[in-house]
Protein backbone atom coordinates (compact mmCIF):
# COMPACT_ATOMS: atom_id res chain seq x y z
CA UNK A 1 -47.72 -15.06 0.52
CA UNK A 2 -48.88 -17.53 3.21
CA UNK A 3 -46.86 -18.24 6.34
CA UNK A 4 -46.29 -21.86 5.26
CA UNK A 5 -44.99 -20.78 1.85
CA UNK A 6 -42.70 -18.20 3.47
CA UNK A 7 -41.30 -20.78 5.88
CA UNK A 8 -40.68 -23.23 3.02
CA UNK A 9 -38.91 -20.56 0.92
CA UNK A 10 -36.75 -19.56 3.89
CA UNK A 11 -35.90 -23.22 4.50
CA UNK A 12 -34.80 -23.64 0.87
CA UNK A 13 -32.69 -20.48 1.11
CA UNK A 14 -31.09 -21.75 4.34
CA UNK A 15 -30.17 -25.06 2.69
CA UNK A 16 -28.66 -23.19 -0.25
CA UNK A 17 -26.56 -21.07 2.13
CA UNK A 18 -25.26 -24.20 3.85
CA UNK A 19 -24.41 -25.79 0.50
CA UNK A 20 -22.73 -22.52 -0.49
CA UNK A 21 -20.42 -22.68 2.53
CA UNK A 22 -19.62 -26.29 1.71
CA UNK A 23 -18.77 -25.33 -1.87
CA UNK A 24 -16.54 -22.46 -0.77
CA UNK A 25 -14.41 -24.88 1.26
CA UNK A 26 -12.60 -26.05 -1.89
CA UNK A 27 -11.19 -24.12 -4.88
CA UNK A 28 -12.68 -26.72 -7.21
CA UNK A 29 -16.25 -26.07 -6.02
CA UNK A 30 -15.91 -22.40 -4.99
CA UNK A 31 -17.60 -21.04 -8.13
CA UNK A 32 -20.57 -23.37 -7.61
CA UNK A 33 -20.69 -22.35 -3.96
CA UNK A 34 -20.89 -18.70 -4.93
CA UNK A 35 -23.75 -19.38 -7.34
CA UNK A 36 -25.70 -21.32 -4.70
CA UNK A 37 -25.23 -18.48 -2.23
CA UNK A 38 -26.46 -15.93 -4.76
CA UNK A 39 -29.51 -18.08 -5.53
CA UNK A 40 -30.28 -18.48 -1.83
CA UNK A 41 -30.05 -14.73 -1.29
CA UNK A 42 -32.31 -14.03 -4.27
CA UNK A 43 -34.95 -16.38 -2.84
CA UNK A 44 -34.63 -14.80 0.59
CA UNK A 45 -35.01 -11.24 -0.68
CA UNK A 46 -37.93 -12.10 -2.99
CA UNK A 47 -39.73 -13.94 -0.18
CA UNK A 48 -39.27 -11.06 2.23
CA UNK A 49 -40.60 -8.56 -0.32
CA UNK A 50 -43.76 -10.66 -0.73
CA UNK A 51 -44.55 -10.51 3.00
CA UNK A 52 -47.96 -9.02 3.86
CA UNK A 53 -46.53 -6.16 5.92
CA UNK A 54 -44.66 -4.75 2.90
CA UNK A 55 -47.07 -2.08 1.65
CA UNK A 56 -44.91 -0.01 -0.69
CA UNK A 57 -42.20 -1.05 -3.15
CA UNK A 58 -41.08 2.35 -4.42
CA UNK A 59 -38.45 3.23 -1.79
CA UNK A 60 -37.34 -0.40 -1.55
CA UNK A 61 -36.82 -0.66 -5.31
CA UNK A 62 -34.92 2.64 -5.34
CA UNK A 63 -32.55 1.45 -2.60
CA UNK A 64 -32.03 -1.92 -4.29
CA UNK A 65 -31.13 -0.23 -7.57
CA UNK A 66 -28.86 2.30 -5.85
CA UNK A 67 -27.10 -0.34 -3.77
CA UNK A 68 -26.84 -2.70 -6.73
CA UNK A 69 -25.26 -0.05 -8.95
CA UNK A 70 -22.75 0.94 -6.26
CA UNK A 71 -21.92 -2.71 -5.57
CA UNK A 72 -21.45 -3.52 -9.25
CA UNK A 73 -19.19 -0.51 -9.86
CA UNK A 74 -17.05 -1.26 -6.80
CA UNK A 75 -16.80 -4.98 -7.62
CA UNK A 76 -15.68 -4.29 -11.19
CA UNK A 77 -13.12 -1.66 -10.22
CA UNK A 78 -11.61 -3.22 -7.13
CA UNK A 79 -8.37 -5.11 -7.88
CA UNK A 80 -7.76 -8.53 -6.33
CA UNK A 81 -4.98 -6.99 -4.25
CA UNK A 82 -7.56 -4.84 -2.47
CA UNK A 83 -9.94 -7.70 -1.69
CA UNK A 84 -9.06 -7.76 2.05
CA UNK A 85 -9.94 -4.06 2.34
CA UNK A 86 -13.20 -4.64 0.45
CA UNK A 87 -14.15 -7.49 2.79
CA UNK A 88 -13.48 -5.28 5.83
CA UNK A 89 -15.59 -2.51 4.30
CA UNK A 90 -18.48 -4.92 3.67
CA UNK A 91 -18.32 -6.08 7.29
CA UNK A 92 -18.61 -2.47 8.46
CA UNK A 93 -21.83 -2.04 6.46
CA UNK A 94 -23.36 -5.17 8.01
CA UNK A 95 -22.54 -3.83 11.48
CA UNK A 96 -23.97 -0.41 10.68
CA UNK A 97 -27.15 -1.97 9.29
CA UNK A 98 -27.61 -3.95 12.52
CA UNK A 99 -27.31 -0.76 14.58
CA UNK A 100 -29.77 1.19 12.42
CA UNK A 101 -32.34 -1.62 12.43
CA UNK A 102 -32.08 -1.95 16.21
CA UNK A 103 -32.63 1.79 16.65
CA UNK A 104 -35.57 1.74 14.20
CA UNK A 105 -37.14 -1.17 16.09
CA UNK A 106 -36.86 0.73 19.38
CA UNK A 107 -38.39 3.89 17.93
CA UNK A 108 -41.23 2.04 16.15
CA UNK A 109 -41.93 -1.11 18.19
CA UNK A 110 -45.50 -1.48 16.93
CA UNK A 111 -44.41 -1.69 13.29
CA UNK A 112 -41.84 -4.33 14.25
CA UNK A 113 -44.36 -6.32 16.27
CA UNK A 114 -42.45 -6.12 19.56
CA UNK A 115 -44.75 -3.79 21.50
CA UNK A 116 -46.96 -5.15 24.26
CA UNK A 117 -50.58 -4.23 25.00
CA UNK A 118 -49.37 -1.21 26.97
CA UNK A 119 -47.11 -0.07 24.13
CA UNK A 120 -43.92 -0.96 26.01
CA UNK A 121 -41.29 -3.29 24.63
CA UNK A 122 -40.74 -6.63 26.36
CA UNK A 123 -37.51 -7.21 28.27
CA UNK A 124 -36.53 -10.05 25.95
CA UNK A 125 -36.77 -7.80 22.91
CA UNK A 126 -34.80 -5.07 24.69
CA UNK A 127 -31.98 -7.51 25.46
CA UNK A 128 -31.96 -8.66 21.84
CA UNK A 129 -31.76 -5.05 20.63
CA UNK A 130 -28.89 -4.29 23.02
CA UNK A 131 -26.91 -7.33 21.89
CA UNK A 132 -27.57 -6.68 18.19
CA UNK A 133 -26.67 -3.00 18.41
CA UNK A 134 -23.63 -3.67 20.62
CA UNK A 135 -22.11 -6.31 18.34
CA UNK A 136 -23.06 -4.31 15.24
CA UNK A 137 -21.43 -1.11 16.55
CA UNK A 138 -18.19 -2.93 17.43
CA UNK A 139 -18.22 -4.57 14.00
CA UNK A 140 -18.75 -1.21 12.28
CA UNK A 141 -15.93 0.81 13.86
CA UNK A 142 -13.63 -2.22 14.14
CA UNK A 143 -14.02 -2.92 10.44
CA UNK A 144 -13.39 0.73 9.57
CA UNK A 145 -10.10 0.61 11.50
CA UNK A 146 -9.19 -2.73 9.88
CA UNK A 147 -9.95 -1.24 6.46
CA UNK A 148 -7.68 1.73 7.20
CA UNK A 149 -4.84 -0.49 8.42
CA UNK A 150 -5.05 -2.79 5.41
CA UNK A 151 -5.19 0.13 3.00
CA UNK A 152 -2.36 1.92 4.79
CA UNK A 153 -4.45 4.96 5.70
CA UNK A 154 -3.86 4.51 9.43
CA UNK A 155 -0.56 2.65 9.26
CA UNK A 156 -0.19 -1.01 10.17
CA UNK A 157 1.78 -0.47 13.40
CA UNK A 158 -0.05 -1.31 16.66
CA UNK A 159 -1.28 1.64 18.74
CA UNK A 160 -0.90 0.99 22.47
CA UNK A 161 -1.00 3.04 25.66
CA UNK A 162 -0.57 2.36 29.36
CA UNK A 163 -3.61 0.79 31.00
CA UNK A 164 -5.25 -0.03 27.67
CA UNK A 165 -6.85 -3.28 28.83
CA UNK A 166 -8.08 -1.63 32.03
CA UNK A 167 -9.77 1.08 29.98
CA UNK A 168 -11.43 -1.56 27.78
CA UNK A 169 -12.61 -3.51 30.83
CA UNK A 170 -13.98 -0.35 32.48
CA UNK A 171 -15.87 0.59 29.33
CA UNK A 172 -17.29 -2.93 29.01
CA UNK A 173 -18.53 -2.85 32.62
CA UNK A 174 -20.03 0.60 32.08
CA UNK A 175 -21.81 -0.63 29.00
CA UNK A 176 -23.32 -3.56 30.92
CA UNK A 177 -24.54 -1.18 33.64
CA UNK A 178 -26.07 1.23 31.13
CA UNK A 179 -27.65 -1.70 29.25
CA UNK A 180 -29.37 -2.86 32.44
CA UNK A 181 -30.60 0.71 33.03
CA UNK A 182 -31.92 0.81 29.46
CA UNK A 183 -33.78 -2.50 29.82
CA UNK A 184 -35.42 -1.24 33.04
CA UNK A 185 -36.26 2.32 32.01
CA UNK A 186 -36.42 1.98 28.18
CA UNK A 187 -34.60 5.31 27.99
CA UNK A 188 -33.52 6.18 24.46
CA UNK A 189 -30.64 8.24 25.87
CA UNK A 190 -29.32 5.14 27.64
CA UNK A 191 -29.59 3.20 24.39
CA UNK A 192 -27.53 5.82 22.57
CA UNK A 193 -24.90 5.66 25.33
CA UNK A 194 -24.68 1.86 24.91
CA UNK A 195 -24.18 2.28 21.16
CA UNK A 196 -21.61 5.06 21.70
CA UNK A 197 -19.55 2.92 24.09
CA UNK A 198 -19.69 -0.02 21.66
CA UNK A 199 -18.52 2.21 18.79
CA UNK A 200 -15.54 3.35 20.85
CA UNK A 201 -14.76 -0.20 21.99
CA UNK A 202 -14.62 -1.29 18.35
CA UNK A 203 -11.84 1.21 17.78
CA UNK A 204 -9.93 0.38 20.97
CA UNK A 205 -10.04 -3.37 20.31
CA UNK A 206 -8.56 -3.12 16.81
CA UNK A 207 -5.96 -0.32 17.01
CA UNK A 208 -3.51 -2.37 19.13
CA UNK A 209 -3.43 -5.16 16.54
CA UNK A 210 -0.28 -5.25 14.43
CA UNK A 211 -0.41 -5.44 10.65
CA UNK A 212 0.90 -9.01 10.48
CA UNK A 213 -2.13 -10.23 12.43
CA UNK A 214 -4.74 -8.27 10.47
CA UNK A 215 -5.91 -11.32 8.44
CA UNK A 216 -7.13 -12.90 11.68
CA UNK A 217 -8.96 -9.70 12.59
CA UNK A 218 -10.73 -9.55 9.22
CA UNK A 219 -11.93 -13.11 9.78
CA UNK A 220 -13.04 -12.34 13.33
CA UNK A 221 -14.94 -9.24 12.18
CA UNK A 222 -16.67 -11.47 9.66
CA UNK A 223 -17.84 -13.57 12.61
CA UNK A 224 -18.96 -10.46 14.51
CA UNK A 225 -21.05 -9.32 11.55
CA UNK A 226 -22.81 -12.67 11.49
CA UNK A 227 -23.69 -12.57 15.18
CA UNK A 228 -24.93 -8.99 14.77
CA UNK A 229 -27.24 -10.14 11.98
CA UNK A 230 -28.45 -13.06 14.09
CA UNK A 231 -29.21 -10.73 17.00
CA UNK A 232 -31.29 -8.47 14.79
CA UNK A 233 -33.00 -11.56 13.39
CA UNK A 234 -34.34 -12.27 16.86
CA UNK A 235 -35.57 -8.67 17.16
CA UNK A 236 -37.37 -8.88 13.82
CA UNK A 237 -38.62 -12.41 14.40
CA UNK A 238 -37.00 -13.41 11.09
CA UNK A 239 -35.91 -17.04 11.24
CA UNK A 240 -33.86 -16.86 8.06
CA UNK A 241 -31.82 -13.92 9.33
CA UNK A 242 -31.11 -15.87 12.52
CA UNK A 243 -29.95 -18.90 10.54
CA UNK A 244 -27.81 -16.91 8.11
CA UNK A 245 -26.29 -14.85 10.91
CA UNK A 246 -25.46 -17.99 12.87
CA UNK A 247 -23.87 -19.58 9.78
CA UNK A 248 -21.70 -16.53 9.12
CA UNK A 249 -20.87 -16.07 12.80
CA UNK A 250 -19.91 -19.69 13.46
CA UNK A 251 -18.01 -20.20 10.20
CA UNK A 252 -16.10 -16.94 10.77
CA UNK A 253 -15.23 -17.99 14.32
CA UNK A 254 -14.03 -21.41 13.13
CA UNK A 255 -11.93 -19.82 10.38
CA UNK A 256 -10.46 -17.38 12.92
CA UNK A 257 -9.53 -20.27 15.18
CA UNK A 258 -7.88 -22.14 12.30
CA UNK A 259 -5.95 -19.01 11.32
CA UNK A 260 -4.86 -18.43 14.92
CA UNK A 261 -3.45 -21.94 14.99
CA UNK A 262 -1.73 -21.29 11.65
CA UNK A 263 -0.12 -18.15 13.11
CA UNK A 264 0.46 -19.59 16.59
CA UNK A 265 -1.82 -16.99 18.17
CA UNK A 266 -4.30 -17.28 21.01
CA UNK A 267 -7.96 -16.82 20.08
CA UNK A 268 -8.48 -14.97 23.37
CA UNK A 269 -5.82 -12.46 22.44
CA UNK A 270 -7.71 -11.80 19.21
CA UNK A 271 -10.98 -11.25 21.05
CA UNK A 272 -9.45 -8.82 23.52
CA UNK A 273 -7.03 -7.06 21.20
CA UNK A 274 -3.89 -8.15 22.97
CA UNK A 275 -1.45 -9.45 20.42
CA UNK A 276 0.87 -8.08 17.76
CA UNK A 277 2.05 -5.31 20.09
CA UNK A 278 5.66 -6.25 20.58
CA UNK A 279 8.29 -3.84 19.32
CA UNK A 280 11.04 -4.88 16.96
CA UNK A 281 14.30 -3.48 15.76
CA UNK A 282 13.85 -1.15 12.82
CA UNK A 283 14.46 -2.67 9.37
CA UNK A 284 17.22 -0.13 8.74
CA UNK A 285 19.11 -1.18 11.88
CA UNK A 286 18.56 -4.87 11.23
CA UNK A 287 19.81 -4.63 7.63
CA UNK A 288 22.90 -2.54 8.44
CA UNK A 289 26.08 -4.21 7.39
CA UNK A 290 24.36 -7.04 5.54
CA UNK A 291 24.58 -7.77 1.84
CA UNK A 292 22.16 -9.50 -0.46
CA UNK A 293 23.16 -11.25 -3.68
CA UNK A 294 21.13 -10.20 -6.70
CA UNK A 295 20.57 -12.14 -9.89
CA UNK A 296 18.70 -11.88 -13.17
CA UNK A 297 15.62 -13.63 -14.57
CA UNK A 298 17.98 -15.43 -16.94
CA UNK A 299 19.86 -16.84 -13.94
CA UNK A 300 16.56 -17.97 -12.45
CA UNK A 301 15.48 -19.69 -15.68
CA UNK A 302 18.81 -21.55 -15.92
CA UNK A 303 18.76 -22.74 -12.31
CA UNK A 304 15.13 -23.90 -12.42
CA UNK A 305 15.38 -25.63 -15.80
CA UNK A 306 18.44 -27.56 -14.67
CA UNK A 307 16.86 -28.63 -11.40
CA UNK A 308 14.58 -31.57 -10.84
CA UNK A 309 12.23 -29.96 -8.31
CA UNK A 310 10.89 -26.40 -8.06
CA UNK A 311 8.48 -25.09 -5.42
CA UNK A 312 6.86 -21.73 -6.13
CA UNK A 313 5.66 -19.65 -3.15
CA UNK A 314 3.23 -16.90 -4.25
CA UNK A 315 2.59 -13.90 -2.02
CA UNK A 316 1.03 -10.46 -1.95
CA UNK A 317 3.61 -9.16 -4.42
CA UNK A 318 2.35 -11.59 -7.05
CA UNK A 319 -1.16 -10.24 -6.52
CA UNK A 320 -0.01 -6.62 -6.74
CA UNK A 321 1.86 -7.31 -9.99
CA UNK A 322 -0.99 -9.45 -11.36
CA UNK A 323 1.66 -11.98 -12.28
CA UNK A 324 -0.39 -15.16 -11.83
CA UNK A 325 -0.83 -15.84 -15.56
CA UNK A 326 2.88 -15.37 -16.31
CA UNK A 327 3.75 -17.58 -13.35
CA UNK A 328 1.38 -20.27 -14.62
CA UNK A 329 3.03 -20.13 -18.05
CA UNK A 330 6.45 -20.40 -16.41
CA UNK A 331 5.30 -23.47 -14.46
CA UNK A 332 3.98 -25.10 -17.65
CA UNK A 333 7.29 -24.61 -19.47
CA UNK A 334 9.24 -26.06 -16.55
CA UNK A 335 6.89 -29.06 -16.40
CA UNK A 336 7.36 -29.64 -20.14
CA UNK A 337 11.11 -29.66 -19.51
CA UNK A 338 10.68 -32.49 -16.99
CA UNK A 339 10.90 -30.38 -13.83
CA UNK A 340 8.56 -31.18 -10.94
CA UNK A 341 6.68 -27.94 -10.17
CA UNK A 342 4.49 -27.35 -7.12
CA UNK A 343 2.94 -24.33 -5.45
CA UNK A 344 3.15 -23.81 -1.69
CA UNK A 345 0.43 -21.72 -0.04
CA UNK A 346 0.60 -20.26 3.45
CA UNK A 347 -2.80 -20.02 5.22
CA UNK A 348 -2.64 -16.21 5.37
CA UNK A 349 -0.63 -15.44 2.25
CA UNK A 350 -1.83 -12.22 0.65
CA UNK A 351 -3.32 -10.84 3.91
CA UNK A 352 -6.48 -12.91 3.54
CA UNK A 353 -7.37 -16.63 3.70
CA UNK A 354 -7.64 -18.15 0.24
CA UNK A 355 -6.26 -15.07 -1.51
CA UNK A 356 -3.49 -16.95 -3.35
CA UNK A 357 -5.73 -19.92 -4.10
CA UNK A 358 -8.17 -17.61 -5.88
CA UNK A 359 -5.43 -16.02 -7.98
CA UNK A 360 -3.98 -19.39 -9.00
CA UNK A 361 -7.45 -20.71 -9.80
CA UNK A 362 -8.05 -17.62 -11.94
CA UNK A 363 -4.90 -18.49 -13.91
CA UNK A 364 -6.13 -22.11 -14.17
CA UNK A 365 -3.20 -23.62 -12.30
CA UNK A 366 -4.04 -27.34 -11.81
CA UNK A 367 -5.34 -28.02 -8.32
CA UNK A 368 -3.06 -31.04 -7.92
CA UNK A 369 -0.04 -28.70 -8.09
CA UNK A 370 -1.23 -26.50 -5.20
CA UNK A 371 -0.37 -27.54 -1.64
CA UNK A 372 -1.02 -26.06 1.79
CA UNK A 373 1.77 -25.45 4.31
CA UNK A 374 1.26 -28.70 6.24
CA UNK A 375 1.32 -30.76 3.03
CA UNK A 376 4.51 -29.40 1.49
CA UNK A 377 6.73 -27.96 4.22
CA UNK A 378 8.71 -31.18 4.61
CA UNK A 379 9.53 -31.13 0.87
CA UNK A 380 11.64 -27.96 0.89
CA UNK A 381 14.76 -29.71 2.19
CA UNK A 382 14.77 -31.93 -0.94
CA UNK A 383 13.88 -29.10 -3.30
CA UNK A 384 16.42 -27.76 -5.82
CA UNK A 385 14.87 -24.29 -6.15
CA UNK A 386 12.32 -22.44 -4.05
CA UNK A 387 10.99 -19.43 -5.96
CA UNK A 388 9.36 -16.86 -3.65
CA UNK A 389 7.22 -14.34 -5.55
CA UNK A 390 6.32 -11.34 -3.44
CA UNK A 391 6.01 -13.18 -0.10
CA UNK A 392 7.85 -11.93 2.99
CA UNK A 393 6.57 -12.54 6.52
CA UNK A 394 5.29 -16.04 5.75
CA UNK A 395 8.82 -17.15 4.75
CA UNK A 396 10.74 -15.24 7.44
CA UNK A 397 12.94 -17.70 9.42
CA UNK A 398 12.94 -15.27 12.38
CA UNK A 399 9.58 -16.82 13.26
CA UNK A 400 11.51 -19.96 14.24
CA UNK A 401 14.56 -18.44 15.88
CA UNK A 402 13.91 -15.05 17.53
CA UNK A 403 11.66 -15.11 20.65
CA UNK A 404 11.62 -11.29 20.65
CA UNK A 405 10.08 -11.05 17.19
CA UNK A 406 6.38 -10.15 16.75
CA UNK A 407 5.98 -13.20 14.47
CA UNK A 408 7.87 -15.65 16.69
CA UNK A 409 6.11 -19.01 16.76
CA UNK A 410 4.08 -18.36 13.59
CA UNK A 411 4.32 -21.39 11.29
CA UNK A 412 6.17 -20.41 8.12
CA UNK A 413 7.03 -22.02 4.81
CA UNK A 414 10.55 -23.44 5.26
CA UNK A 415 11.89 -22.09 1.95
CA UNK A 416 15.29 -21.37 3.53
CA UNK A 417 15.92 -25.13 3.66
CA UNK A 418 15.87 -25.46 -0.14
CA UNK A 419 19.20 -25.85 -1.97
CA UNK A 420 18.66 -22.53 -3.75
CA UNK A 421 16.19 -19.80 -2.83
CA UNK A 422 15.21 -17.06 -5.29
CA UNK A 423 13.13 -14.14 -4.03
CA UNK A 424 11.26 -11.85 -6.42
CA UNK A 425 10.81 -8.49 -4.73
CA UNK A 426 10.93 -4.80 -5.57
CA UNK A 427 13.35 -4.02 -2.75
CA UNK A 428 14.69 -5.25 0.58
CA UNK A 429 11.85 -3.47 2.37
CA UNK A 430 10.23 -5.35 5.27
CA UNK A 431 6.90 -7.11 4.98
CA UNK A 432 3.57 -6.18 6.52
CA UNK A 433 4.84 -7.09 10.00
CA UNK A 434 7.47 -4.34 9.67
CA UNK A 435 10.50 -6.54 10.45
CA UNK A 436 13.59 -7.43 8.46
CA UNK A 437 13.89 -10.82 6.77
CA UNK A 438 17.30 -12.56 7.10
CA UNK A 439 16.29 -14.90 4.29
CA UNK A 440 17.24 -12.12 1.86
CA UNK A 441 20.87 -12.24 3.05
CA UNK A 442 21.32 -16.01 3.31
CA UNK A 443 24.15 -17.71 1.41
CA UNK A 444 21.73 -19.80 -0.66
CA UNK A 445 19.44 -16.87 -1.58
CA UNK A 446 19.42 -14.93 -4.84
CA UNK A 447 17.33 -11.74 -5.00
CA UNK A 448 15.48 -10.88 -8.22
CA UNK A 449 14.63 -7.20 -7.89
CA UNK A 450 11.71 -5.88 -9.92
CA UNK A 451 8.00 -6.16 -10.63
CA UNK A 452 6.71 -9.72 -10.21
CA UNK A 453 4.98 -9.81 -13.59
CA UNK A 454 7.98 -8.42 -15.48
CA UNK A 455 10.36 -10.86 -13.78
CA UNK A 456 8.06 -13.82 -14.49
CA UNK A 457 7.64 -12.81 -18.14
CA UNK A 458 11.42 -12.51 -18.60
CA UNK A 459 11.88 -15.94 -17.04
CA UNK A 460 9.31 -17.30 -19.49
CA UNK A 461 11.21 -15.73 -22.41
CA UNK A 462 14.45 -17.31 -21.21
CA UNK A 463 12.84 -20.70 -20.81
């Protein structure tokens, strides 16, 4: 395949990736965006395989089949509730790939076209390899820790120790010094030390992050994986990899910034692992002496059908119970009865941006009924019933009133201002942030204890 044809194919793939990102910005065009991204990737892979320096297809085909089978099995088996963990796991693989490619390029510079006439690697290429491996290593171990926190393997509580930031700063300075030594001497041992420090830094930067802030971290790791790919693109001289890496890196950084604003967090605290570390009173202590009123699905059906306005707030519990279809049916019946029904979505509901939008789109909830926090928050005070299905931290009024709370200052959905609040939950257990929610004990709140899908189906039967 000629160089001109390769450049044209890569340009087409780049345009498709850009159109894919544009499509993914809206639930209505997300499916089309996915298809454009898949088409762009197919063109990119096929073009790369037709490059002159590819001399054998056997091992490549074997790895494509193996990876494709593993990917297909995982994608089919993974539930929507585990999507944040899957995303974190995918980021870790991108980071690991960047590290392995950088090491391979250093060990075989001639094959990668970065060796000079004397067989030594140019300083520019060495710097590119250091940056690619450094960012990739941080992405790998950071994503592994994020995966463990989201899955509950490591626990969502922040892990802190005295002098933590000083240790991180010292390690970063040591890594810079060793990187300079590597670029001067081209010592493989120095390169391994740089990678080792970066791997450890990835762990130390993520462990102090509390569970409530993990959605921001997943988004930031997405950005890291893009920059790692872009760095390796420079090493390989692959323009498409540079473009794709820059797209992923910049879009992930922008999304992280938007999420930080949505959670009232500083982007610098995300970068340096410095937020979500405050301590809070235990849920048991906070809940002592308080009582919560419980009701039945029949009560919920009666109150909603006799109201004029209902706002439904879906959360992680709805995803766990796979209740979206029953909730959609409930909304349809209420609408047929003349009740105004809307859905309110918090930017980080479900531990991941867009998680609830995807579930509602899967159930074919009309897009004109779905509203973001900024669009609907002012409507709660005029709402007859706010039905919270499995959400917790994103509706916790402590975020407005308690400066000592880990979520203080985070914008929340003001469901407590509705005339009647009904919360579907399995228990009074705290949310992912690990703090108690006084909404459960408010005078205008009725708790509906049970599985989200079962509760929604019983409400449907009553309606």
